[in-house]
Amino acid sequence: MSASAPARPLASVEVGERLPPTSISLSVQRLVMIAAANRDFAPTHHDVEVARATGAGNPYGNMMFVMAMFERAVLEWAGSGARLRRLRDVRMMAFNEAGMTITCHGRVTSVDPAQGRVRMELWLEAGNERRTSSAEAEVELPV
C-alpha cells in the first residue's frame, strides 16, 4: 500500500499482522543528505575517522533517520489517511552505517476498536538480520 492511499479500515487489521518490509541502502551521500535535512551537522554522519572514534565502522545515521524509517513503514502500511498518534520507546541498539541496507519491520500487537487505534512493534535490521533500532507505534485508523 502506498503512502498516498486512503487509510485502511480498522476492521481489516489483525493482531500479529506483519507490515511489509521497507528497505533503504545507506551511503555516505545519503547520510549527509538525511543529516543536513534536519540540521544535524555532527561529523559522525560523514567523517569515517570521527565515526570510528565513537565505535562505529563507518559514518552512521542519526535518531531522525531512525524515526523517519519507522514513520515511513507505518504510513505505507496504514495509508496517508491514517494518523500516527505516537512513536515511543525509540531505541538505537547498534549503528545504522554507510554500506548497510537497513530494513524496517513491524508487527501489530493490539487493536482497539473503541478508540480506532492499532499498536505495533517496529524494528530496523541491518542486512545481516541484526536489530539496530526498535520502537512502538500507535496509529489511528477509520473505524
C-alpha atoms as a PDB file:
ATOM      1  CA  MET A   1       0.000   0.000   0.000  1.00  0.00           C
ATOM      2  CA  SER A   2       1.492   3.354  -0.917  1.00  0.00           C
ATOM      3  CA  ALA A   3       1.569   6.359   1.387  1.00  0.00           C
ATOM      4  CA  SER A   4      -0.860   8.157  -0.953  1.00  0.00           C
ATOM      5  CA  ALA A   5      -3.589   5.535  -0.467  1.00  0.00           C
ATOM      6  CA  PRO A   6      -6.511   6.304   1.852  1.00  0.00           C
ATOM      7  CA  ALA A   7      -6.270   4.864   5.354  1.00  0.00           C
ATOM      8  CA  ARG A   8      -7.011   1.196   5.576  1.00  0.00           C
ATOM      9  CA  PRO A   9     -10.107   0.337   7.595  1.00  0.00           C
ATOM     10  CA  LEU A  10      -9.585  -0.789  11.181  1.00  0.00           C
ATOM     11  CA  ALA A  11     -11.736  -3.894  10.594  1.00  0.00           C
ATOM     12  CA  SER A  12      -9.119  -5.244   8.164  1.00  0.00           C
ATOM     13  CA  VAL A  13      -6.318  -5.291  10.779  1.00  0.00           C
ATOM     14  CA  GLU A  14      -5.441  -8.385  12.812  1.00  0.00           C
ATOM     15  CA  VAL A  15      -3.159  -8.815  15.806  1.00  0.00           C
ATOM     16  CA  GLY A  16       0.043 -10.476  14.639  1.00  0.00           C
ATOM     17  CA  GLU A  17      -0.194  -8.987  11.161  1.00  0.00           C
ATOM     18  CA  ARG A  18       3.204  -8.049   9.763  1.00  0.00           C
ATOM     19  CA  LEU A  19       3.984  -4.799   7.993  1.00  0.00           C
ATOM     20  CA  PRO A  20       5.652  -5.233   4.607  1.00  0.00           C
ATOM     21  CA  PRO A  21       9.429  -4.746   4.936  1.00  0.00           C
ATOM     22  CA  THR A  22      10.717  -1.317   3.884  1.00  0.00           C
ATOM     23  CA  SER A  23      14.404  -1.077   2.932  1.00  0.00           C
ATOM     24  CA  ILE A  24      16.948   1.620   2.165  1.00  0.00           C
ATOM     25  CA  SER A  25      20.633   1.363   1.257  1.00  0.00           C
ATOM     26  CA  LEU A  26      22.820   3.755   3.196  1.00  0.00           C
ATOM     27  CA  SER A  27      25.688   5.567   1.520  1.00  0.00           C
ATOM     28  CA  VAL A  28      27.710   8.411   2.968  1.00  0.00           C
ATOM     29  CA  GLN A  29      25.988  10.743   0.487  1.00  0.00           C
ATOM     30  CA  ARG A  30      22.552   9.629   1.686  1.00  0.00           C
ATOM     31  CA  LEU A  31      23.580  10.021   5.338  1.00  0.00           C
ATOM     32  CA  VAL A  32      24.835  13.553   4.634  1.00  0.00           C
ATOM     33  CA  MET A  33      21.536  14.463   2.945  1.00  0.00           C
ATOM     34  CA  ILE A  34      19.495  12.985   5.811  1.00  0.00           C
ATOM     35  CA  ALA A  35      21.544  14.753   8.480  1.00  0.00           C
ATOM     36  CA  ALA A  36      21.526  18.081   6.611  1.00  0.00           C
ATOM     37  CA  ALA A  37      17.748  17.912   6.183  1.00  0.00           C
ATOM     38  CA  ASN A  38      17.329  18.000   9.956  1.00  0.00           C
ATOM     39  CA  ARG A  39      20.313  20.314  10.525  1.00  0.00           C
ATOM     40  CA  ASP A  40      22.446  17.724  12.301  1.00  0.00           C
ATOM     41  CA  PHE A  41      25.957  18.664  11.234  1.00  0.00           C
ATOM     42  CA  ALA A  42      27.777  16.207  13.502  1.00  0.00           C
ATOM     43  CA  PRO A  43      30.789  14.726  11.689  1.00  0.00           C
ATOM     44  CA  THR A  44      29.751  11.191  12.715  1.00  0.00           C
ATOM     45  CA  HIS A  45      27.391  11.223   9.737  1.00  0.00           C
ATOM     46  CA  HIS A  46      30.069  11.887   7.106  1.00  0.00           C
ATOM     47  CA  ASP A  47      33.596  11.523   8.537  1.00  0.00           C
ATOM     48  CA  VAL A  48      34.910   7.950   8.737  1.00  0.00           C
ATOM     49  CA  GLU A  49      37.600   8.717  11.322  1.00  0.00           C
ATOM     50  CA  VAL A  50      35.219  10.551  13.659  1.00  0.00           C
ATOM     51  CA  ALA A  51      32.628   7.770  13.307  1.00  0.00           C
ATOM     52  CA  ARG A  52      35.264   5.126  14.093  1.00  0.00           C
ATOM     53  CA  ALA A  53      36.329   7.079  17.183  1.00  0.00           C
ATOM     54  CA  THR A  54      32.780   6.580  18.527  1.00  0.00           C
ATOM     55  CA  GLY A  55      32.922   2.807  17.965  1.00  0.00           C
ATOM     56  CA  ALA A  56      31.253   2.569  14.569  1.00  0.00           C
ATOM     57  CA  GLY A  57      32.895   1.145  11.470  1.00  0.00           C
ATOM     58  CA  ASN A  58      31.594   3.867   9.157  1.00  0.00           C
ATOM     59  CA  PRO A  59      29.530   7.076   9.281  1.00  0.00           C
ATOM     60  CA  TYR A  60      26.067   6.365  10.631  1.00  0.00           C
ATOM     61  CA  GLY A  61      22.500   7.648  10.652  1.00  0.00           C
ATOM     62  CA  ASN A  62      21.028   9.782  13.408  1.00  0.00           C
ATOM     63  CA  MET A  63      17.882   9.401  15.511  1.00  0.00           C
ATOM     64  CA  MET A  64      15.830  11.412  12.998  1.00  0.00           C
ATOM     65  CA  PHE A  65      16.732   8.830  10.323  1.00  0.00           C
ATOM     66  CA  VAL A  66      15.549   6.010  12.596  1.00  0.00           C
ATOM     67  CA  MET A  67      12.270   7.777  13.391  1.00  0.00           C
ATOM     68  CA  ALA A  68      11.680   8.612   9.721  1.00  0.00           C
ATOM     69  CA  MET A  69      12.136   4.963   8.755  1.00  0.00           C
ATOM     70  CA  PHE A  70       9.561   3.927  11.354  1.00  0.00           C
ATOM     71  CA  GLU A  71       7.106   6.609  10.239  1.00  0.00           C
ATOM     72  CA  ARG A  72       7.551   5.667   6.581  1.00  0.00           C
ATOM     73  CA  ALA A  73       6.871   1.971   7.236  1.00  0.00           C
ATOM     74  CA  VAL A  74       3.763   2.679   9.337  1.00  0.00           C
ATOM     75  CA  LEU A  75       2.228   5.132   6.852  1.00  0.00           C
ATOM     76  CA  GLU A  76       2.984   2.938   3.832  1.00  0.00           C
ATOM     77  CA  TRP A  77       1.125   0.149   5.615  1.00  0.00           C
ATOM     78  CA  ALA A  78      -1.712   2.300   7.010  1.00  0.00           C
ATOM     79  CA  GLY A  79      -2.199   4.792   4.140  1.00  0.00           C
ATOM     80  CA  SER A  80      -1.928   8.569   4.156  1.00  0.00           C
ATOM     81  CA  GLY A  81      -5.381   8.993   5.702  1.00  0.00           C
ATOM     82  CA  ALA A  82      -4.132   7.356   8.905  1.00  0.00           C
ATOM     83  CA  ARG A  83      -2.702   9.345  11.806  1.00  0.00           C
ATOM     84  CA  LEU A  84       0.476   8.289  13.523  1.00  0.00           C
ATOM     85  CA  ARG A  85      -0.525   9.191  17.077  1.00  0.00           C
ATOM     86  CA  ARG A  86       2.576   8.096  18.934  1.00  0.00           C
ATOM     87  CA  LEU A  87       6.069   6.804  18.334  1.00  0.00           C
ATOM     88  CA  ARG A  88       7.656   5.872  21.643  1.00  0.00           C
ATOM     89  CA  ASP A  89      10.428   3.896  23.279  1.00  0.00           C
ATOM     90  CA  VAL A  90      12.646   4.542  20.274  1.00  0.00           C
ATOM     91  CA  ARG A  91      15.947   2.793  20.887  1.00  0.00           C
ATOM     92  CA  MET A  92      19.159   2.691  18.916  1.00  0.00           C
ATOM     93  CA  MET A  93      20.951  -0.559  19.808  1.00  0.00           C
ATOM     94  CA  ALA A  94      23.571  -0.567  17.042  1.00  0.00           C
ATOM     95  CA  PHE A  95      24.809   1.786  14.350  1.00  0.00           C
ATOM     96  CA  ASN A  96      22.963   2.144  11.029  1.00  0.00           C
ATOM     97  CA  GLU A  97      26.134   2.589   8.988  1.00  0.00           C
ATOM     98  CA  ALA A  98      27.055   3.601   5.471  1.00  0.00           C
ATOM     99  CA  GLY A  99      27.360   0.484   3.349  1.00  0.00           C
ATOM    100  CA  MET A 100      24.440  -1.272   5.049  1.00  0.00           C
ATOM    101  CA  THR A 101      20.965  -1.943   3.754  1.00  0.00           C
ATOM    102  CA  ILE A 102      18.538  -1.150   6.555  1.00  0.00           C
ATOM    103  CA  THR A 103      15.111  -2.810   6.596  1.00  0.00           C
ATOM    104  CA  CYS A 104      12.180  -1.754   8.752  1.00  0.00           C
ATOM    105  CA  HIS A 105       9.868  -4.499  10.033  1.00  0.00           C
ATOM    106  CA  GLY A 106       6.752  -4.308  12.149  1.00  0.00           C
ATOM    107  CA  ARG A 107       4.022  -6.379  13.741  1.00  0.00           C
ATOM    108  CA  VAL A 108       0.570  -5.403  15.039  1.00  0.00           C
ATOM    109  CA  THR A 109       0.423  -6.048  18.784  1.00  0.00           C
ATOM    110  CA  SER A 110      -3.103  -4.821  19.586  1.00  0.00           C
ATOM    111  CA  VAL A 111      -6.243  -3.401  18.001  1.00  0.00           C
ATOM    112  CA  ASP A 112      -8.577  -1.122  19.969  1.00  0.00           C
ATOM    113  CA  PRO A 113     -11.879  -0.821  18.063  1.00  0.00           C
ATOM    114  CA  ALA A 114     -13.361   1.620  20.599  1.00  0.00           C
ATOM    115  CA  GLN A 115     -10.534   4.131  20.029  1.00  0.00           C
ATOM    116  CA  GLY A 116      -9.886   3.222  16.387  1.00  0.00           C
ATOM    117  CA  ARG A 117      -6.232   2.604  17.197  1.00  0.00           C
ATOM    118  CA  VAL A 118      -3.648  -0.001  16.387  1.00  0.00           C
ATOM    119  CA  ARG A 119      -0.438  -0.565  18.318  1.00  0.00           C
ATOM    120  CA  MET A 120       2.609  -2.158  16.803  1.00  0.00           C
ATOM    121  CA  GLU A 121       6.197  -3.008  17.488  1.00  0.00           C
ATOM    122  CA  LEU A 122       8.759  -1.820  14.958  1.00  0.00           C
ATOM    123  CA  TRP A 123      12.402  -2.644  14.410  1.00  0.00           C
ATOM    124  CA  LEU A 124      15.226  -1.927  11.996  1.00  0.00           C
ATOM    125  CA  GLU A 125      17.589  -4.633  10.866  1.00  0.00           C
ATOM    126  CA  ALA A 126      20.932  -4.391   9.122  1.00  0.00           C
ATOM    127  CA  GLY A 127      21.485  -6.694   6.137  1.00  0.00           C
ATOM    128  CA  ASN A 128      22.654  -9.475   8.443  1.00  0.00           C
ATOM    129  CA  GLU A 129      19.307  -9.524  10.312  1.00  0.00           C
ATOM    130  CA  ARG A 130      20.870  -7.840  13.357  1.00  0.00           C
ATOM    131  CA  ARG A 131      18.418  -5.453  15.031  1.00  0.00           C
ATOM    132  CA  THR A 132      19.778  -1.939  15.129  1.00  0.00           C
ATOM    133  CA  SER A 133      16.770   0.006  16.451  1.00  0.00           C
ATOM    134  CA  SER A 134      13.306  -0.563  17.872  1.00  0.00           C
ATOM    135  CA  ALA A 135      10.159   1.382  18.774  1.00  0.00           C
ATOM    136  CA  GLU A 136       6.462   1.131  19.491  1.00  0.00           C
ATOM    137  CA  ALA A 137       3.862   2.964  17.434  1.00  0.00           C
ATOM    138  CA  GLU A 138       0.200   3.809  17.792  1.00  0.00           C
ATOM    139  CA  VAL A 139      -1.769   4.646  14.675  1.00  0.00           C
ATOM    140  CA  GLU A 140      -5.355   5.817  14.313  1.00  0.00           C
ATOM    141  CA  LEU A 141      -7.423   4.259  11.525  1.00  0.00           C
ATOM    142  CA  PRO A 142     -11.005   4.895  10.441  1.00  0.00           C
ATOM    143  CA  VAL A 143     -13.479   2.634  12.234  1.00  0.00           C
END
